[in-house]
Amino acid sequence: MATKPKKKNPRLASGRKRVRQDIKLNAANTSLRSKYRTAVKNVEKAVLTGDKSKATELFAKMQAVVDTIADKGIFHKNKAARDKSRLSAKVKALALAAA
């Protein structure tokens, strides 16, 4: 079993601080990335089940999450816009199919 080589500890105090900060930032970014994916997945599930009202409600919440994360630079703003656009089309198609 191959394991990753252990990273050496930085010698300078600024380097050690940077490592501490990176760990916190990485945890925060991972959490937000997960929140983004969950929000998108929830809308897709609602669309697949055909629940128009739930899909519309979840889409509104998803937009806020996606915009926040794009502003923070965790995902590129164009990726966020693309995801919103595709899901918006799915929700609209669901609304048209129900009508």
N, C-alpha and C. Protein backbone atom coordinates (compact mmCIF):
# COMPACT_ATOMS: atom_id res chain seq x y z
N MET A 1 0.84 -1.19 0.00
CA MET A 1 0.00 0.00 0.00
C MET A 1 0.89 1.25 0.00
N ALA A 2 0.74 2.08 -1.01
CA ALA A 2 1.54 3.29 -1.11
C ALA A 2 0.88 4.41 -0.31
N THR A 3 1.67 5.06 0.52
CA THR A 3 1.15 6.18 1.30
C THR A 3 1.80 7.46 0.82
N LYS A 4 1.12 8.57 1.08
CA LYS A 4 1.67 9.85 0.69
C LYS A 4 2.91 10.16 1.54
N PRO A 5 3.91 10.76 0.94
CA PRO A 5 5.07 11.16 1.74
C PRO A 5 4.64 12.26 2.71
N LYS A 6 5.13 12.18 3.94
CA LYS A 6 4.75 13.15 4.95
C LYS A 6 5.37 14.50 4.62
N LYS A 7 4.55 15.55 4.73
CA LYS A 7 5.06 16.88 4.44
C LYS A 7 5.91 17.37 5.60
N LYS A 8 6.94 18.11 5.27
CA LYS A 8 7.80 18.67 6.31
C LYS A 8 7.14 19.89 6.92
N ASN A 9 7.37 20.10 8.20
CA ASN A 9 6.84 21.30 8.86
C ASN A 9 7.64 22.51 8.44
N PRO A 10 6.95 23.60 8.15
CA PRO A 10 7.66 24.82 7.79
C PRO A 10 8.51 25.32 8.96
N ARG A 11 9.65 25.89 8.65
CA ARG A 11 10.54 26.39 9.71
C ARG A 11 10.13 27.77 10.19
N LEU A 12 9.74 28.62 9.27
CA LEU A 12 9.43 30.00 9.65
C LEU A 12 8.06 30.09 10.31
N ALA A 13 7.94 31.00 11.24
CA ALA A 13 6.68 31.18 11.96
C ALA A 13 5.55 31.53 11.00
N SER A 14 5.87 32.36 9.99
CA SER A 14 4.84 32.77 9.03
C SER A 14 4.35 31.55 8.23
N GLY A 15 5.28 30.65 7.94
CA GLY A 15 4.91 29.43 7.22
C GLY A 15 4.02 28.53 8.06
N ARG A 16 4.35 28.42 9.35
CA ARG A 16 3.53 27.60 10.24
C ARG A 16 2.13 28.18 10.38
N LYS A 17 2.06 29.50 10.47
CA LYS A 17 0.76 30.16 10.57
C LYS A 17 -0.05 29.93 9.29
N ARG A 18 0.63 30.01 8.17
CA ARG A 18 -0.04 29.81 6.88
C ARG A 18 -0.66 28.41 6.82
N VAL A 19 0.05 27.41 7.33
CA VAL A 19 -0.46 26.04 7.34
C VAL A 19 -1.72 25.96 8.20
N ARG A 20 -1.69 26.61 9.37
CA ARG A 20 -2.87 26.63 10.25
C ARG A 20 -4.06 27.28 9.55
N GLN A 21 -3.80 28.39 8.88
CA GLN A 21 -4.87 29.10 8.17
C GLN A 21 -5.43 28.25 7.03
N ASP A 22 -4.53 27.58 6.31
CA ASP A 22 -4.95 26.76 5.17
C ASP A 22 -5.88 25.64 5.60
N ILE A 23 -5.59 25.05 6.76
CA ILE A 23 -6.45 23.96 7.26
C ILE A 23 -7.86 24.48 7.52
N LYS A 24 -7.96 25.66 8.15
CA LYS A 24 -9.27 26.24 8.44
C LYS A 24 -10.01 26.60 7.14
N LEU A 25 -9.28 27.25 6.23
CA LEU A 25 -9.88 27.66 4.96
C LEU A 25 -10.36 26.46 4.16
N ASN A 26 -9.54 25.41 4.15
CA ASN A 26 -9.89 24.21 3.40
C ASN A 26 -11.16 23.58 3.95
N ALA A 27 -11.28 23.56 5.27
CA ALA A 27 -12.48 22.99 5.90
C ALA A 27 -13.71 23.81 5.56
N ALA A 28 -13.57 25.14 5.58
CA ALA A 28 -14.70 26.03 5.27
C ALA A 28 -15.13 25.87 3.82
N ASN A 29 -14.13 25.83 2.92
CA ASN A 29 -14.43 25.69 1.49
C ASN A 29 -15.08 24.35 1.19
N THR A 30 -14.61 23.29 1.84
CA THR A 30 -15.17 21.96 1.63
C THR A 30 -16.63 21.93 2.05
N SER A 31 -16.91 22.56 3.18
CA SER A 31 -18.27 22.61 3.70
C SER A 31 -19.19 23.35 2.73
N LEU A 32 -18.73 24.49 2.23
CA LEU A 32 -19.54 25.28 1.30
C LEU A 32 -19.75 24.56 -0.03
N ARG A 33 -18.69 23.87 -0.50
CA ARG A 33 -18.80 23.11 -1.74
C ARG A 33 -19.86 22.02 -1.60
N SER A 34 -19.88 21.40 -0.45
CA SER A 34 -20.85 20.34 -0.17
C SER A 34 -22.27 20.93 -0.14
N LYS A 35 -22.41 22.09 0.48
CA LYS A 35 -23.71 22.77 0.56
C LYS A 35 -24.24 23.09 -0.84
N TYR A 36 -23.35 23.54 -1.70
CA TYR A 36 -23.69 23.86 -3.09
C TYR A 36 -24.22 22.63 -3.81
N ARG A 37 -23.44 21.55 -3.72
CA ARG A 37 -23.82 20.32 -4.43
C ARG A 37 -25.13 19.75 -3.89
N THR A 38 -25.33 19.83 -2.59
CA THR A 38 -26.56 19.32 -1.98
C THR A 38 -27.76 20.13 -2.47
N ALA A 39 -27.61 21.46 -2.53
CA ALA A 39 -28.71 22.32 -2.98
C ALA A 39 -29.10 21.99 -4.42
N VAL A 40 -28.10 21.80 -5.27
CA VAL A 40 -28.36 21.47 -6.68
C VAL A 40 -29.03 20.09 -6.78
N LYS A 41 -28.52 19.14 -6.00
CA LYS A 41 -29.04 17.77 -6.03
C LYS A 41 -30.51 17.73 -5.57
N ASN A 42 -30.84 18.53 -4.55
CA ASN A 42 -32.21 18.57 -4.04
C ASN A 42 -33.20 19.05 -5.10
N VAL A 43 -32.80 20.06 -5.86
CA VAL A 43 -33.67 20.57 -6.92
C VAL A 43 -33.86 19.50 -7.99
N GLU A 44 -32.76 18.84 -8.37
CA GLU A 44 -32.85 17.80 -9.40
C GLU A 44 -33.76 16.65 -8.96
N LYS A 45 -33.68 16.29 -7.69
CA LYS A 45 -34.55 15.22 -7.17
C LYS A 45 -36.01 15.63 -7.25
N ALA A 46 -36.30 16.88 -6.87
CA ALA A 46 -37.68 17.38 -6.91
C ALA A 46 -38.21 17.39 -8.34
N VAL A 47 -37.35 17.74 -9.29
CA VAL A 47 -37.75 17.76 -10.70
C VAL A 47 -38.05 16.33 -11.17
N LEU A 48 -37.20 15.39 -10.78
CA LEU A 48 -37.40 13.99 -11.19
C LEU A 48 -38.70 13.41 -10.63
N THR A 49 -39.04 13.79 -9.40
CA THR A 49 -40.28 13.28 -8.80
C THR A 49 -41.51 13.98 -9.38
N GLY A 50 -41.28 15.13 -10.04
CA GLY A 50 -42.39 15.84 -10.67
C GLY A 50 -43.14 16.76 -9.73
N ASP A 51 -42.55 17.07 -8.59
CA ASP A 51 -43.18 17.96 -7.60
C ASP A 51 -42.86 19.41 -7.96
N LYS A 52 -43.81 20.06 -8.65
CA LYS A 52 -43.57 21.40 -9.18
C LYS A 52 -43.36 22.44 -8.08
N SER A 53 -44.22 22.44 -7.06
CA SER A 53 -44.13 23.45 -6.01
C SER A 53 -42.84 23.29 -5.20
N LYS A 54 -42.50 22.06 -4.89
CA LYS A 54 -41.28 21.80 -4.12
C LYS A 54 -40.05 22.18 -4.94
N ALA A 55 -40.07 21.86 -6.23
CA ALA A 55 -38.93 22.18 -7.10
C ALA A 55 -38.74 23.69 -7.19
N THR A 56 -39.84 24.43 -7.30
CA THR A 56 -39.77 25.89 -7.40
C THR A 56 -39.21 26.48 -6.11
N GLU A 57 -39.68 25.97 -4.98
CA GLU A 57 -39.23 26.46 -3.67
C GLU A 57 -37.74 26.16 -3.46
N LEU A 58 -37.33 24.93 -3.77
CA LEU A 58 -35.93 24.55 -3.61
C LEU A 58 -35.03 25.30 -4.59
N PHE A 59 -35.55 25.60 -5.77
CA PHE A 59 -34.77 26.34 -6.77
C PHE A 59 -34.43 27.73 -6.25
N ALA A 60 -35.42 28.38 -5.60
CA ALA A 60 -35.19 29.72 -5.06
C ALA A 60 -34.09 29.69 -3.99
N LYS A 61 -34.13 28.67 -3.13
CA LYS A 61 -33.11 28.53 -2.08
C LYS A 61 -31.75 28.22 -2.71
N MET A 62 -31.77 27.37 -3.73
CA MET A 62 -30.53 26.97 -4.40
C MET A 62 -29.84 28.17 -5.04
N GLN A 63 -30.62 29.08 -5.61
CA GLN A 63 -30.03 30.25 -6.26
C GLN A 63 -29.22 31.08 -5.27
N ALA A 64 -29.75 31.26 -4.07
CA ALA A 64 -29.04 32.04 -3.05
C ALA A 64 -27.72 31.37 -2.68
N VAL A 65 -27.76 30.06 -2.50
CA VAL A 65 -26.55 29.31 -2.13
C VAL A 65 -25.52 29.40 -3.25
N VAL A 66 -25.96 29.20 -4.48
CA VAL A 66 -25.06 29.22 -5.63
C VAL A 66 -24.42 30.60 -5.79
N ASP A 67 -25.21 31.66 -5.66
CA ASP A 67 -24.66 33.02 -5.80
C ASP A 67 -23.63 33.32 -4.72
N THR A 68 -23.93 32.92 -3.49
CA THR A 68 -23.01 33.16 -2.38
C THR A 68 -21.67 32.49 -2.64
N ILE A 69 -21.72 31.23 -3.08
CA ILE A 69 -20.50 30.47 -3.27
C ILE A 69 -19.71 30.97 -4.48
N ALA A 70 -20.42 31.45 -5.50
CA ALA A 70 -19.73 32.02 -6.67
C ALA A 70 -19.05 33.33 -6.26
N ASP A 71 -19.70 34.12 -5.42
CA ASP A 71 -19.10 35.38 -4.96
C ASP A 71 -17.83 35.13 -4.16
N LYS A 72 -17.83 34.05 -3.39
CA LYS A 72 -16.65 33.73 -2.58
C LYS A 72 -15.53 33.12 -3.42
N GLY A 73 -15.84 32.76 -4.66
CA GLY A 73 -14.81 32.23 -5.56
C GLY A 73 -14.53 30.75 -5.37
N ILE A 74 -15.42 30.04 -4.71
CA ILE A 74 -15.21 28.61 -4.50
C ILE A 74 -15.49 27.86 -5.80
N PHE A 75 -16.55 28.27 -6.49
CA PHE A 75 -16.79 27.81 -7.85
C PHE A 75 -16.78 29.05 -8.73
N HIS A 76 -16.40 28.88 -9.98
CA HIS A 76 -16.35 30.01 -10.91
C HIS A 76 -17.76 30.53 -11.15
N LYS A 77 -17.88 31.84 -11.36
CA LYS A 77 -19.20 32.44 -11.54
C LYS A 77 -19.91 31.90 -12.78
N ASN A 78 -19.13 31.53 -13.80
CA ASN A 78 -19.76 30.97 -15.00
C ASN A 78 -20.33 29.58 -14.75
N LYS A 79 -19.68 28.80 -13.90
CA LYS A 79 -20.20 27.48 -13.53
C LYS A 79 -21.51 27.65 -12.76
N ALA A 80 -21.52 28.61 -11.86
CA ALA A 80 -22.72 28.88 -11.06
C ALA A 80 -23.88 29.30 -11.98
N ALA A 81 -23.58 30.18 -12.93
CA ALA A 81 -24.60 30.66 -13.86
C ALA A 81 -25.11 29.51 -14.73
N ARG A 82 -24.19 28.64 -15.15
CA ARG A 82 -24.56 27.49 -15.99
C ARG A 82 -25.47 26.53 -15.22
N ASP A 83 -25.13 26.26 -13.98
CA ASP A 83 -25.95 25.37 -13.16
C ASP A 83 -27.34 25.95 -12.93
N LYS A 84 -27.38 27.26 -12.63
CA LYS A 84 -28.68 27.92 -12.41
C LYS A 84 -29.52 27.88 -13.67
N SER A 85 -28.90 28.14 -14.80
CA SER A 85 -29.61 28.16 -16.07
C SER A 85 -30.21 26.80 -16.40
N ARG A 86 -29.41 25.75 -16.24
CA ARG A 86 -29.87 24.41 -16.57
C ARG A 86 -31.01 23.97 -15.65
N LEU A 87 -30.87 24.27 -14.36
CA LEU A 87 -31.92 23.88 -13.42
C LEU A 87 -33.18 24.71 -13.64
N SER A 88 -32.99 25.97 -13.97
CA SER A 88 -34.14 26.84 -14.25
C SER A 88 -34.94 26.27 -15.42
N ALA A 89 -34.23 25.82 -16.46
CA ALA A 89 -34.90 25.24 -17.63
C ALA A 89 -35.68 23.98 -17.23
N LYS A 90 -35.09 23.16 -16.37
CA LYS A 90 -35.77 21.94 -15.93
C LYS A 90 -37.03 22.25 -15.13
N VAL A 91 -36.92 23.25 -14.24
CA VAL A 91 -38.07 23.63 -13.41
C VAL A 91 -39.18 24.22 -14.30
N LYS A 92 -38.80 25.04 -15.28
CA LYS A 92 -39.80 25.62 -16.19
C LYS A 92 -40.47 24.55 -17.03
N ALA A 93 -39.67 23.58 -17.49
CA ALA A 93 -40.24 22.48 -18.29
C ALA A 93 -41.23 21.68 -17.45
N LEU A 94 -40.93 21.52 -16.18
CA LEU A 94 -41.81 20.82 -15.25
C LEU A 94 -43.12 21.59 -15.09
N ALA A 95 -43.01 22.90 -14.99
CA ALA A 95 -44.20 23.75 -14.84
C ALA A 95 -45.07 23.71 -16.10
N LEU A 96 -44.42 23.71 -17.25
CA LEU A 96 -45.16 23.65 -18.52
C LEU A 96 -45.84 22.29 -18.70
N ALA A 97 -45.14 21.24 -18.29
CA ALA A 97 -45.70 19.90 -18.42
C ALA A 97 -46.92 19.72 -17.51
N ALA A 98 -46.88 20.37 -16.34
CA ALA A 98 -48.00 20.26 -15.39
C ALA A 98 -49.20 21.08 -15.88
N ALA A 99 -48.94 22.13 -16.62
CA ALA A 99 -50.03 23.02 -17.07
C ALA A 99 -50.82 22.43 -18.24
